[in-house]
Amino acid sequence: MTIRRATPDIRTADMARSREFYQLLGFTEAMDLGWVVTMASPSNPTAQVLLVDADTEAPQPDISVEVADVDAVHAAMTAAGADIVYPLRDEPWGVRRFFARDPSGTIVNVVSHR
C-alpha cells in the first residue's frame, strides 16, 4: 500500500485564530470548506494541517492518511476486523474515504483523491 501523506486533524473552536496561528508558521490556506480548512506548506505541499470546526458532527478524525487505493485499504481493514466508524464513500469535495478507530481510540480518516 502506498501512503501519500499523513496529516493531523485539529479540532478548533476558533477557526480564524487557528488559521492565523498556522500562517505564522508559514502555512497557507489550500482549501476552505467552511467546517474544515487545509493549511499547507508552500514549499512542501504534502506537509499539511487540517483544522476542523469543533462543532462539526462526530465522529471526526484525529489524523488523515492519504493512500493510493482507499478501496484496497478498506478491504484489508474490514477483513482484519477493524472498527470502521464512518463508512467508505465518495464525498462531494472530491475524495473517497472512511474512518477507522485504531486500538488506542484514535480515529483515522483514510482517504484517496478522485
PDB file of N, CA and C in Angstrom:
ATOM      1  N   MET A   1       0.843  -1.182   0.000  1.00  0.00           N
ATOM      2  CA  MET A   1       0.000   0.000   0.000  1.00  0.00           C
ATOM      3  C   MET A   1       0.884   1.239   0.000  1.00  0.00           C
ATOM      4  N   THR A   2       0.487   2.218  -0.778  1.00  0.00           N
ATOM      5  CA  THR A   2       1.252   3.451  -0.892  1.00  0.00           C
ATOM      6  C   THR A   2       0.608   4.551  -0.063  1.00  0.00           C
ATOM      7  N   ILE A   3       1.378   5.114   0.872  1.00  0.00           N
ATOM      8  CA  ILE A   3       0.918   6.260   1.657  1.00  0.00           C
ATOM      9  C   ILE A   3       1.439   7.510   0.970  1.00  0.00           C
ATOM     10  N   ARG A   4       0.557   8.446   0.685  1.00  0.00           N
ATOM     11  CA  ARG A   4       0.944   9.694   0.021  1.00  0.00           C
ATOM     12  C   ARG A   4       1.238  10.806   1.013  1.00  0.00           C
ATOM     13  N   ARG A   5       0.528  10.826   2.139  1.00  0.00           N
ATOM     14  CA  ARG A   5       0.765  11.828   3.187  1.00  0.00           C
ATOM     15  C   ARG A   5      -0.032  11.452   4.418  1.00  0.00           C
ATOM     16  N   ALA A   6       0.374  11.998   5.539  1.00  0.00           N
ATOM     17  CA  ALA A   6      -0.364  11.860   6.796  1.00  0.00           C
ATOM     18  C   ALA A   6      -0.387  13.234   7.439  1.00  0.00           C
ATOM     19  N   THR A   7      -1.558  13.647   7.891  1.00  0.00           N
ATOM     20  CA  THR A   7      -1.721  14.989   8.455  1.00  0.00           C
ATOM     21  C   THR A   7      -2.518  14.931   9.746  1.00  0.00           C
ATOM     22  N   PRO A   8      -2.178  15.788  10.713  1.00  0.00           N
ATOM     23  CA  PRO A   8      -3.003  15.869  11.918  1.00  0.00           C
ATOM     24  C   PRO A   8      -4.300  16.624  11.610  1.00  0.00           C
ATOM     25  N   ASP A   9      -5.376  16.195  12.235  1.00  0.00           N
ATOM     26  CA  ASP A   9      -6.670  16.874  12.135  1.00  0.00           C
ATOM     27  C   ASP A   9      -6.913  17.523  13.493  1.00  0.00           C
ATOM     28  N   ILE A  10      -6.938  18.838  13.531  1.00  0.00           N
ATOM     29  CA  ILE A  10      -7.018  19.584  14.780  1.00  0.00           C
ATOM     30  C   ILE A  10      -8.394  20.220  14.906  1.00  0.00           C
ATOM     31  N   ARG A  11      -9.118  19.871  15.964  1.00  0.00           N
ATOM     32  CA  ARG A  11     -10.422  20.497  16.217  1.00  0.00           C
ATOM     33  C   ARG A  11     -10.193  21.869  16.833  1.00  0.00           C
ATOM     34  N   THR A  12     -10.927  22.859  16.337  1.00  0.00           N
ATOM     35  CA  THR A  12     -10.769  24.217  16.835  1.00  0.00           C
ATOM     36  C   THR A  12     -12.124  24.888  17.022  1.00  0.00           C
ATOM     37  N   ALA A  13     -12.246  25.614  18.107  1.00  0.00           N
ATOM     38  CA  ALA A  13     -13.457  26.396  18.369  1.00  0.00           C
ATOM     39  C   ALA A  13     -13.334  27.792  17.758  1.00  0.00           C
ATOM     40  N   ASP A  14     -12.134  28.165  17.296  1.00  0.00           N
ATOM     41  CA  ASP A  14     -11.904  29.484  16.715  1.00  0.00           C
ATOM     42  C   ASP A  14     -11.071  29.325  15.440  1.00  0.00           C
ATOM     43  N   MET A  15     -11.778  29.077  14.336  1.00  0.00           N
ATOM     44  CA  MET A  15     -11.123  28.812  13.055  1.00  0.00           C
ATOM     45  C   MET A  15     -10.220  29.965  12.626  1.00  0.00           C
ATOM     46  N   ALA A  16     -10.674  31.195  12.784  1.00  0.00           N
ATOM     47  CA  ALA A  16      -9.884  32.351  12.351  1.00  0.00           C
ATOM     48  C   ALA A  16      -8.556  32.431  13.109  1.00  0.00           C
ATOM     49  N   ARG A  17      -8.597  32.281  14.420  1.00  0.00           N
ATOM     50  CA  ARG A  17      -7.360  32.351  15.222  1.00  0.00           C
ATOM     51  C   ARG A  17      -6.436  31.178  14.916  1.00  0.00           C
ATOM     52  N   SER A  18      -7.007  29.996  14.706  1.00  0.00           N
ATOM     53  CA  SER A  18      -6.181  28.833  14.364  1.00  0.00           C
ATOM     54  C   SER A  18      -5.516  29.019  13.003  1.00  0.00           C
ATOM     55  N   ARG A  19      -6.279  29.523  12.030  1.00  0.00           N
ATOM     56  CA  ARG A  19      -5.723  29.787  10.698  1.00  0.00           C
ATOM     57  C   ARG A  19      -4.562  30.783  10.811  1.00  0.00           C
ATOM     58  N   GLU A  20      -4.764  31.856  11.567  1.00  0.00           N
ATOM     59  CA  GLU A  20      -3.709  32.863  11.747  1.00  0.00           C
ATOM     60  C   GLU A  20      -2.464  32.263  12.408  1.00  0.00           C
ATOM     61  N   PHE A  21      -2.658  31.397  13.399  1.00  0.00           N
ATOM     62  CA  PHE A  21      -1.539  30.761  14.095  1.00  0.00           C
ATOM     63  C   PHE A  21      -0.685  29.954  13.107  1.00  0.00           C
ATOM     64  N   TYR A  22      -1.338  29.128  12.291  1.00  0.00           N
ATOM     65  CA  TYR A  22      -0.578  28.288  11.355  1.00  0.00           C
ATOM     66  C   TYR A  22       0.029  29.103  10.217  1.00  0.00           C
ATOM     67  N   GLN A  23      -0.569  30.248   9.903  1.00  0.00           N
ATOM     68  CA  GLN A  23       0.055  31.153   8.937  1.00  0.00           C
ATOM     69  C   GLN A  23       1.361  31.706   9.492  1.00  0.00           C
ATOM     70  N   LEU A  24       1.430  31.938  10.801  1.00  0.00           N
ATOM     71  CA  LEU A  24       2.671  32.400  11.427  1.00  0.00           C
ATOM     72  C   LEU A  24       3.791  31.369  11.277  1.00  0.00           C
ATOM     73  N   LEU A  25       3.425  30.094  11.170  1.00  0.00           N
ATOM     74  CA  LEU A  25       4.410  29.040  10.957  1.00  0.00           C
ATOM     75  C   LEU A  25       4.790  28.883   9.485  1.00  0.00           C
ATOM     76  N   GLY A  26       4.119  29.630   8.605  1.00  0.00           N
ATOM     77  CA  GLY A  26       4.434  29.581   7.186  1.00  0.00           C
ATOM     78  C   GLY A  26       3.439  28.820   6.335  1.00  0.00           C
ATOM     79  N   PHE A  27       2.391  28.246   6.953  1.00  0.00           N
ATOM     80  CA  PHE A  27       1.371  27.540   6.186  1.00  0.00           C
ATOM     81  C   PHE A  27       0.480  28.540   5.448  1.00  0.00           C
ATOM     82  N   THR A  28      -0.043  28.127   4.306  1.00  0.00           N
ATOM     83  CA  THR A  28      -1.023  28.922   3.573  1.00  0.00           C
ATOM     84  C   THR A  28      -2.290  28.083   3.394  1.00  0.00           C
ATOM     85  N   GLU A  29      -3.402  28.749   3.213  1.00  0.00           N
ATOM     86  CA  GLU A  29      -4.674  28.062   3.053  1.00  0.00           C
ATOM     87  C   GLU A  29      -4.722  27.387   1.682  1.00  0.00           C
ATOM     88  N   ALA A  30      -4.953  26.074   1.692  1.00  0.00           N
ATOM     89  CA  ALA A  30      -5.039  25.320   0.440  1.00  0.00           C
ATOM     90  C   ALA A  30      -6.488  24.974   0.090  1.00  0.00           C
ATOM     91  N   MET A  31      -7.355  24.889   1.108  1.00  0.00           N
ATOM     92  CA  MET A  31      -8.762  24.554   0.889  1.00  0.00           C
ATOM     93  C   MET A  31      -9.567  25.055   2.077  1.00  0.00           C
ATOM     94  N   ASP A  32     -10.760  25.577   1.797  1.00  0.00           N
ATOM     95  CA  ASP A  32     -11.657  26.023   2.865  1.00  0.00           C
ATOM     96  C   ASP A  32     -13.073  25.586   2.512  1.00  0.00           C
ATOM     97  N   LEU A  33     -13.588  24.613   3.269  1.00  0.00           N
ATOM     98  CA  LEU A  33     -14.963  24.161   3.073  1.00  0.00           C
ATOM     99  C   LEU A  33     -15.890  24.727   4.139  1.00  0.00           C
ATOM    100  N   GLY A  34     -15.384  25.683   4.919  1.00  0.00           N
ATOM    101  CA  GLY A  34     -16.178  26.275   5.989  1.00  0.00           C
ATOM    102  C   GLY A  34     -15.984  25.533   7.298  1.00  0.00           C
ATOM    103  N   TRP A  35     -16.283  24.251   7.327  1.00  0.00           N
ATOM    104  CA  TRP A  35     -16.146  23.430   8.537  1.00  0.00           C
ATOM    105  C   TRP A  35     -14.768  22.787   8.649  1.00  0.00           C
ATOM    106  N   VAL A  36     -14.007  22.799   7.563  1.00  0.00           N
ATOM    107  CA  VAL A  36     -12.640  22.255   7.564  1.00  0.00           C
ATOM    108  C   VAL A  36     -11.772  23.129   6.659  1.00  0.00           C
ATOM    109  N   VAL A  37     -10.564  23.429   7.144  1.00  0.00           N
ATOM    110  CA  VAL A  37      -9.604  24.230   6.381  1.00  0.00           C
ATOM    111  C   VAL A  37      -8.294  23.453   6.318  1.00  0.00           C
ATOM    112  N   THR A  38      -7.750  23.327   5.116  1.00  0.00           N
ATOM    113  CA  THR A  38      -6.446  22.694   4.942  1.00  0.00           C
ATOM    114  C   THR A  38      -5.398  23.783   4.843  1.00  0.00           C
ATOM    115  N   MET A  39      -4.405  23.699   5.728  1.00  0.00           N
ATOM    116  CA  MET A  39      -3.268  24.610   5.702  1.00  0.00           C
ATOM    117  C   MET A  39      -2.071  23.802   5.191  1.00  0.00           C
ATOM    118  N   ALA A  40      -1.374  24.314   4.176  1.00  0.00           N
ATOM    119  CA  ALA A  40      -0.278  23.567   3.559  1.00  0.00           C
ATOM    120  C   ALA A  40       0.977  24.411   3.477  1.00  0.00           C
ATOM    121  N   SER A  41       2.102  23.737   3.486  1.00  0.00           N
ATOM    122  CA  SER A  41       3.391  24.402   3.299  1.00  0.00           C
ATOM    123  C   SER A  41       3.554  24.760   1.831  1.00  0.00           C
ATOM    124  N   PRO A  42       3.892  26.014   1.519  1.00  0.00           N
ATOM    125  CA  PRO A  42       4.091  26.388   0.121  1.00  0.00           C
ATOM    126  C   PRO A  42       5.286  25.675  -0.515  1.00  0.00           C
ATOM    127  N   SER A  43       6.303  25.342   0.290  1.00  0.00           N
ATOM    128  CA  SER A  43       7.495  24.702  -0.250  1.00  0.00           C
ATOM    129  C   SER A  43       7.406  23.179  -0.272  1.00  0.00           C
ATOM    130  N   ASN A  44       6.475  22.613   0.512  1.00  0.00           N
ATOM    131  CA  ASN A  44       6.282  21.167   0.568  1.00  0.00           C
ATOM    132  C   ASN A  44       4.790  20.915   0.739  1.00  0.00           C
ATOM    133  N   PRO A  45       4.013  20.915  -0.353  1.00  0.00           N
ATOM    134  CA  PRO A  45       2.556  20.870  -0.264  1.00  0.00           C
ATOM    135  C   PRO A  45       1.972  19.656   0.459  1.00  0.00           C
ATOM    136  N   THR A  46       2.750  18.592   0.650  1.00  0.00           N
ATOM    137  CA  THR A  46       2.223  17.441   1.381  1.00  0.00           C
ATOM    138  C   THR A  46       2.360  17.616   2.891  1.00  0.00           C
ATOM    139  N   ALA A  47       3.074  18.652   3.325  1.00  0.00           N
ATOM    140  CA  ALA A  47       3.140  18.992   4.759  1.00  0.00           C
ATOM    141  C   ALA A  47       1.908  19.855   5.056  1.00  0.00           C
ATOM    142  N   GLN A  48       0.947  19.277   5.753  1.00  0.00           N
ATOM    143  CA  GLN A  48      -0.335  19.937   5.950  1.00  0.00           C
ATOM    144  C   GLN A  48      -0.846  19.763   7.372  1.00  0.00           C
ATOM    145  N   VAL A  49      -1.747  20.666   7.740  1.00  0.00           N
ATOM    146  CA  VAL A  49      -2.511  20.599   8.975  1.00  0.00           C
ATOM    147  C   VAL A  49      -3.964  20.830   8.578  1.00  0.00           C
ATOM    148  N   LEU A  50      -4.868  19.978   9.071  1.00  0.00           N
ATOM    149  CA  LEU A  50      -6.290  20.164   8.824  1.00  0.00           C
ATOM    150  C   LEU A  50      -6.932  20.752  10.069  1.00  0.00           C
ATOM    151  N   LEU A  51      -7.634  21.856   9.908  1.00  0.00           N
ATOM    152  CA  LEU A  51      -8.358  22.498  11.004  1.00  0.00           C
ATOM    153  C   LEU A  51      -9.831  22.158  10.838  1.00  0.00           C
ATOM    154  N   VAL A  52     -10.416  21.528  11.856  1.00  0.00           N
ATOM    155  CA  VAL A  52     -11.805  21.081  11.801  1.00  0.00           C
ATOM    156  C   VAL A  52     -12.592  21.839  12.855  1.00  0.00           C
ATOM    157  N   ASP A  53     -13.719  22.422  12.441  1.00  0.00           N
ATOM    158  CA  ASP A  53     -14.586  23.146  13.368  1.00  0.00           C
ATOM    159  C   ASP A  53     -15.016  22.217  14.499  1.00  0.00           C
ATOM    160  N   ALA A  54     -14.837  22.653  15.727  1.00  0.00           N
ATOM    161  CA  ALA A  54     -15.147  21.833  16.902  1.00  0.00           C
ATOM    162  C   ALA A  54     -16.620  21.450  16.964  1.00  0.00           C
ATOM    163  N   ASP A  55     -17.496  22.208  16.290  1.00  0.00           N
ATOM    164  CA  ASP A  55     -18.926  21.919  16.326  1.00  0.00           C
ATOM    165  C   ASP A  55     -19.367  20.940  15.243  1.00  0.00           C
ATOM    166  N   THR A  56     -18.436  20.475  14.411  1.00  0.00           N
ATOM    167  CA  THR A  56     -18.784  19.538  13.350  1.00  0.00           C
ATOM    168  C   THR A  56     -19.217  18.212  13.964  1.00  0.00           C
ATOM    169  N   GLU A  57     -20.241  17.624  13.373  1.00  0.00           N
ATOM    170  CA  GLU A  57     -20.818  16.386  13.893  1.00  0.00           C
ATOM    171  C   GLU A  57     -19.776  15.267  14.009  1.00  0.00           C
ATOM    172  N   ALA A  58     -19.832  14.534  15.093  1.00  0.00           N
ATOM    173  CA  ALA A  58     -18.924  13.405  15.326  1.00  0.00           C
ATOM    174  C   ALA A  58     -19.398  12.191  14.529  1.00  0.00           C
ATOM    175  N   PRO A  59     -18.545  11.238  14.224  1.00  0.00           N
ATOM    176  CA  PRO A  59     -17.136  11.228  14.614  1.00  0.00           C
ATOM    177  C   PRO A  59     -16.307  12.088  13.667  1.00  0.00           C
ATOM    178  N   GLN A  60     -15.264  12.670  14.196  1.00  0.00           N
ATOM    179  CA  GLN A  60     -14.289  13.403  13.387  1.00  0.00           C
ATOM    180  C   GLN A  60     -12.916  12.789  13.641  1.00  0.00           C
ATOM    181  N   PRO A  61     -12.094  12.728  12.600  1.00  0.00           N
ATOM    182  CA  PRO A  61     -10.793  12.078  12.753  1.00  0.00           C
ATOM    183  C   PRO A  61      -9.782  12.922  13.520  1.00  0.00           C
ATOM    184  N   ASP A  62      -8.784  12.219  14.045  1.00  0.00           N
ATOM    185  CA  ASP A  62      -7.650  12.850  14.708  1.00  0.00           C
ATOM    186  C   ASP A  62      -6.458  12.954  13.770  1.00  0.00           C
ATOM    187  N   ILE A  63      -6.449  12.122  12.746  1.00  0.00           N
ATOM    188  CA  ILE A  63      -5.376  12.100  11.760  1.00  0.00           C
ATOM    189  C   ILE A  63      -5.970  11.665  10.422  1.00  0.00           C
ATOM    190  N   SER A  64      -5.413  12.189   9.337  1.00  0.00           N
ATOM    191  CA  SER A  64      -5.804  11.755   7.999  1.00  0.00           C
ATOM    192  C   SER A  64      -4.597  11.114   7.327  1.00  0.00           C
ATOM    193  N   VAL A  65      -4.852   9.985   6.675  1.00  0.00           N
ATOM    194  CA  VAL A  65      -3.806   9.296   5.928  1.00  0.00           C
ATOM    195  C   VAL A  65      -4.302   9.137   4.499  1.00  0.00           C
ATOM    196  N   GLU A  66      -3.607   9.799   3.562  1.00  0.00           N
ATOM    197  CA  GLU A  66      -3.958   9.666   2.151  1.00  0.00           C
ATOM    198  C   GLU A  66      -3.212   8.475   1.575  1.00  0.00           C
ATOM    199  N   VAL A  67      -3.959   7.566   0.961  1.00  0.00           N
ATOM    200  CA  VAL A  67      -3.393   6.362   0.360  1.00  0.00           C
ATOM    201  C   VAL A  67      -3.695   6.351  -1.140  1.00  0.00           C
ATOM    202  N   ALA A  68      -2.947   5.539  -1.858  1.00  0.00           N
ATOM    203  CA  ALA A  68      -3.151   5.445  -3.306  1.00  0.00           C
ATOM    204  C   ALA A  68      -4.456   4.739  -3.645  1.00  0.00           C
ATOM    205  N   ASP A  69      -4.856   3.729  -2.850  1.00  0.00           N
ATOM    206  CA  ASP A  69      -6.040   2.924  -3.150  1.00  0.00           C
ATOM    207  C   ASP A  69      -6.869   2.712  -1.878  1.00  0.00           C
ATOM    208  N   VAL A  70      -7.781   3.629  -1.621  1.00  0.00           N
ATOM    209  CA  VAL A  70      -8.594   3.558  -0.401  1.00  0.00           C
ATOM    210  C   VAL A  70      -9.464   2.308  -0.367  1.00  0.00           C
ATOM    211  N   ASP A  71      -9.902   1.831  -1.518  1.00  0.00           N
ATOM    212  CA  ASP A  71     -10.737   0.633  -1.547  1.00  0.00           C
ATOM    213  C   ASP A  71      -9.957  -0.591  -1.069  1.00  0.00           C
ATOM    214  N   ALA A  72      -8.700  -0.708  -1.474  1.00  0.00           N
ATOM    215  CA  ALA A  72      -7.865  -1.836  -1.047  1.00  0.00           C
ATOM    216  C   ALA A  72      -7.600  -1.780   0.461  1.00  0.00           C
ATOM    217  N   VAL A  73      -7.343  -0.582   0.983  1.00  0.00           N
ATOM    218  CA  VAL A  73      -7.109  -0.441   2.422  1.00  0.00           C
ATOM    219  C   VAL A  73      -8.387  -0.774   3.188  1.00  0.00           C
ATOM    220  N   HIS A  74      -9.524  -0.290   2.697  1.00  0.00           N
ATOM    221  CA  HIS A  74     -10.802  -0.596   3.341  1.00  0.00           C
ATOM    222  C   HIS A  74     -11.047  -2.096   3.373  1.00  0.00           C
ATOM    223  N   ALA A  75     -10.796  -2.777   2.262  1.00  0.00           N
ATOM    224  CA  ALA A  75     -10.996  -4.227   2.204  1.00  0.00           C
ATOM    225  C   ALA A  75     -10.088  -4.941   3.205  1.00  0.00           C
ATOM    226  N   ALA A  76      -8.827  -4.521   3.284  1.00  0.00           N
ATOM    227  CA  ALA A  76      -7.882  -5.147   4.211  1.00  0.00           C
ATOM    228  C   ALA A  76      -8.295  -4.907   5.663  1.00  0.00           C
ATOM    229  N   MET A  77      -8.715  -3.679   5.975  1.00  0.00           N
ATOM    230  CA  MET A  77      -9.113  -3.368   7.352  1.00  0.00           C
ATOM    231  C   MET A  77     -10.402  -4.091   7.727  1.00  0.00           C
ATOM    232  N   THR A  78     -11.337  -4.172   6.805  1.00  0.00           N
ATOM    233  CA  THR A  78     -12.593  -4.883   7.067  1.00  0.00           C
ATOM    234  C   THR A  78     -12.314  -6.368   7.308  1.00  0.00           C
ATOM    235  N   ALA A  79     -11.469  -6.963   6.468  1.00  0.00           N
ATOM    236  CA  ALA A  79     -11.125  -8.381   6.623  1.00  0.00           C
ATOM    237  C   ALA A  79     -10.427  -8.639   7.960  1.00  0.00           C
ATOM    238  N   ALA A  80      -9.664  -7.653   8.435  1.00  0.00           N
ATOM    239  CA  ALA A  80      -8.951  -7.801   9.709  1.00  0.00           C
ATOM    240  C   ALA A  80      -9.828  -7.490  10.917  1.00  0.00           C
ATOM    241  N   GLY A  81     -11.072  -7.063  10.668  1.00  0.00           N
ATOM    242  CA  GLY A  81     -11.989  -6.771  11.766  1.00  0.00           C
ATOM    243  C   GLY A  81     -11.807  -5.401  12.384  1.00  0.00           C
ATOM    244  N   ALA A  82     -11.212  -4.460  11.650  1.00  0.00           N
ATOM    245  CA  ALA A  82     -11.026  -3.101  12.169  1.00  0.00           C
ATOM    246  C   ALA A  82     -12.378  -2.455  12.468  1.00  0.00           C
ATOM    247  N   ASP A  83     -12.372  -1.524  13.404  1.00  0.00           N
ATOM    248  CA  ASP A  83     -13.576  -0.800  13.807  1.00  0.00           C
ATOM    249  C   ASP A  83     -13.800   0.363  12.830  1.00  0.00           C
ATOM    250  N   ILE A  84     -14.647   0.156  11.839  1.00  0.00           N
ATOM    251  CA  ILE A  84     -14.967   1.195  10.845  1.00  0.00           C
ATOM    252  C   ILE A  84     -16.083   2.048  11.442  1.00  0.00           C
ATOM    253  N   VAL A  85     -15.802   3.348  11.674  1.00  0.00           N
ATOM    254  CA  VAL A  85     -16.780   4.210  12.354  1.00  0.00           C
ATOM    255  C   VAL A  85     -17.445   5.219  11.414  1.00  0.00           C
ATOM    256  N   TYR A  86     -17.002   5.235  10.153  1.00  0.00           N
ATOM    257  CA  TYR A  86     -17.623   6.073   9.121  1.00  0.00           C
ATOM    258  C   TYR A  86     -17.460   5.283   7.833  1.00  0.00           C
ATOM    259  N   PRO A  87     -18.540   4.953   7.154  1.00  0.00           N
ATOM    260  CA  PRO A  87     -18.454   4.037   6.020  1.00  0.00           C
ATOM    261  C   PRO A  87     -17.709   4.618   4.817  1.00  0.00           C
ATOM    262  N   LEU A  88     -17.165   3.726   4.020  1.00  0.00           N
ATOM    263  CA  LEU A  88     -16.487   4.113   2.780  1.00  0.00           C
ATOM    264  C   LEU A  88     -17.480   4.800   1.859  1.00  0.00           C
ATOM    265  N   ARG A  89     -17.113   5.988   1.392  1.00  0.00           N
ATOM    266  CA  ARG A  89     -17.996   6.702   0.469  1.00  0.00           C
ATOM    267  C   ARG A  89     -17.271   7.816  -0.243  1.00  0.00           C
ATOM    268  N   ASP A  90     -17.889   8.270  -1.328  1.00  0.00           N
ATOM    269  CA  ASP A  90     -17.394   9.410  -2.098  1.00  0.00           C
ATOM    270  C   ASP A  90     -17.991  10.667  -1.502  1.00  0.00           C
ATOM    271  N   GLU A  91     -17.132  11.656  -1.256  1.00  0.00           N
ATOM    272  CA  GLU A  91     -17.583  12.934  -0.704  1.00  0.00           C
ATOM    273  C   GLU A  91     -17.701  13.960  -1.828  1.00  0.00           C
ATOM    274  N   PRO A  92     -18.592  14.947  -1.669  1.00  0.00           N
ATOM    275  CA  PRO A  92     -18.818  15.923  -2.732  1.00  0.00           C
ATOM    276  C   PRO A  92     -17.604  16.789  -3.063  1.00  0.00           C
ATOM    277  N   TRP A  93     -16.604  16.863  -2.177  1.00  0.00           N
ATOM    278  CA  TRP A  93     -15.438  17.703  -2.441  1.00  0.00           C
ATOM    279  C   TRP A  93     -14.306  16.933  -3.129  1.00  0.00           C
ATOM    280  N   GLY A  94     -14.600  15.720  -3.623  1.00  0.00           N
ATOM    281  CA  GLY A  94     -13.657  15.033  -4.488  1.00  0.00           C
ATOM    282  C   GLY A  94     -12.762  13.987  -3.857  1.00  0.00           C
ATOM    283  N   VAL A  95     -13.146  13.478  -2.689  1.00  0.00           N
ATOM    284  CA  VAL A  95     -12.360  12.414  -2.070  1.00  0.00           C
ATOM    285  C   VAL A  95     -13.244  11.194  -1.833  1.00  0.00           C
ATOM    286  N   ARG A  96     -12.606  10.049  -1.727  1.00  0.00           N
ATOM    287  CA  ARG A  96     -13.260   8.808  -1.310  1.00  0.00           C
ATOM    288  C   ARG A  96     -12.582   8.435   0.000  1.00  0.00           C
ATOM    289  N   ARG A  97     -13.380   8.156   1.057  1.00  0.00           N
ATOM    290  CA  ARG A  97     -12.777   7.961   2.365  1.00  0.00           C
ATOM    291  C   ARG A  97     -13.646   7.113   3.277  1.00  0.00           C
ATOM    292  N   PHE A  98     -13.012   6.692   4.387  1.00  0.00           N
ATOM    293  CA  PHE A  98     -13.702   6.058   5.507  1.00  0.00           C
ATOM    294  C   PHE A  98     -12.904   6.379   6.753  1.00  0.00           C
ATOM    295  N   PHE A  99     -13.534   6.208   7.921  1.00  0.00           N
ATOM    296  CA  PHE A  99     -12.846   6.402   9.192  1.00  0.00           C
ATOM    297  C   PHE A  99     -12.759   5.049   9.895  1.00  0.00           C
ATOM    298  N   ALA A 100     -11.596   4.799  10.493  1.00  0.00           N
ATOM    299  CA  ALA A 100     -11.411   3.611  11.316  1.00  0.00           C
ATOM    300  C   ALA A 100     -10.840   4.041  12.668  1.00  0.00           C
ATOM    301  N   ARG A 101     -11.269   3.351  13.722  1.00  0.00           N
ATOM    302  CA  ARG A 101     -10.747   3.632  15.058  1.00  0.00           C
ATOM    303  C   ARG A 101      -9.585   2.671  15.312  1.00  0.00           C
ATOM    304  N   ASP A 102      -8.405   3.237  15.655  1.00  0.00           N
ATOM    305  CA  ASP A 102      -7.252   2.378  15.944  1.00  0.00           C
ATOM    306  C   ASP A 102      -7.367   1.810  17.359  1.00  0.00           C
ATOM    307  N   PRO A 103      -6.506   0.871  17.739  1.00  0.00           N
ATOM    308  CA  PRO A 103      -6.624   0.250  19.063  1.00  0.00           C
ATOM    309  C   PRO A 103      -6.542   1.225  20.240  1.00  0.00           C
ATOM    310  N   SER A 104      -5.941   2.418  20.043  1.00  0.00           N
ATOM    311  CA  SER A 104      -5.857   3.397  21.132  1.00  0.00           C
ATOM    312  C   SER A 104      -7.082   4.296  21.212  1.00  0.00           C
ATOM    313  N   GLY A 105      -7.986   4.177  20.232  1.00  0.00           N
ATOM    314  CA  GLY A 105      -9.176   5.015  20.195  1.00  0.00           C
ATOM    315  C   GLY A 105      -9.071   6.184  19.239  1.00  0.00           C
ATOM    316  N   THR A 106      -7.913   6.359  18.612  1.00  0.00           N
ATOM    317  CA  THR A 106      -7.709   7.433  17.643  1.00  0.00           C
ATOM    318  C   THR A 106      -8.498   7.143  16.383  1.00  0.00           C
ATOM    319  N   ILE A 107      -9.225   8.144  15.888  1.00  0.00           N
ATOM    320  CA  ILE A 107      -9.989   7.970  14.652  1.00  0.00           C
ATOM    321  C   ILE A 107      -9.119   8.423  13.477  1.00  0.00           C
ATOM    322  N   VAL A 108      -8.963   7.515  12.518  1.00  0.00           N
ATOM    323  CA  VAL A 108      -8.122   7.756  11.356  1.00  0.00           C
ATOM    324  C   VAL A 108      -9.012   7.887  10.112  1.00  0.00           C
ATOM    325  N   ASN A 109      -8.853   9.010   9.414  1.00  0.00           N
ATOM    326  CA  ASN A 109      -9.517   9.260   8.145  1.00  0.00           C
ATOM    327  C   ASN A 109      -8.604   8.680   7.066  1.00  0.00           C
ATOM    328  N   VAL A 110      -9.048   7.614   6.404  1.00  0.00           N
ATOM    329  CA  VAL A 110      -8.277   7.008   5.326  1.00  0.00           C
ATOM    330  C   VAL A 110      -8.903   7.494   4.033  1.00  0.00           C
ATOM    331  N   VAL A 111      -8.102   8.134   3.174  1.00  0.00           N
ATOM    332  CA  VAL A 111      -8.660   8.910   2.064  1.00  0.00           C
ATOM    333  C   VAL A 111      -7.823   8.760   0.790  1.00  0.00           C
ATOM    334  N   SER A 112      -8.500   8.826  -0.341  1.00  0.00           N
ATOM    335  CA  SER A 112      -7.863   8.945  -1.658  1.00  0.00           C
ATOM    336  C   SER A 112      -8.577  10.066  -2.403  1.00  0.00           C
ATOM    337  N   HIS A 113      -7.830  10.823  -3.180  1.00  0.00           N
ATOM    338  CA  HIS A 113      -8.455  11.829  -4.039  1.00  0.00           C
ATOM    339  C   HIS A 113      -8.897  11.168  -5.328  1.00  0.00           C
ATOM    340  N   ARG A 114     -10.070  11.567  -5.811  1.00  0.00           N
ATOM    341  CA  ARG A 114     -10.574  11.013  -7.073  1.00  0.00           C
ATOM    342  C   ARG A 114      -9.966  11.746  -8.243  1.00  0.00           C
TER     343      ARG A 114
END
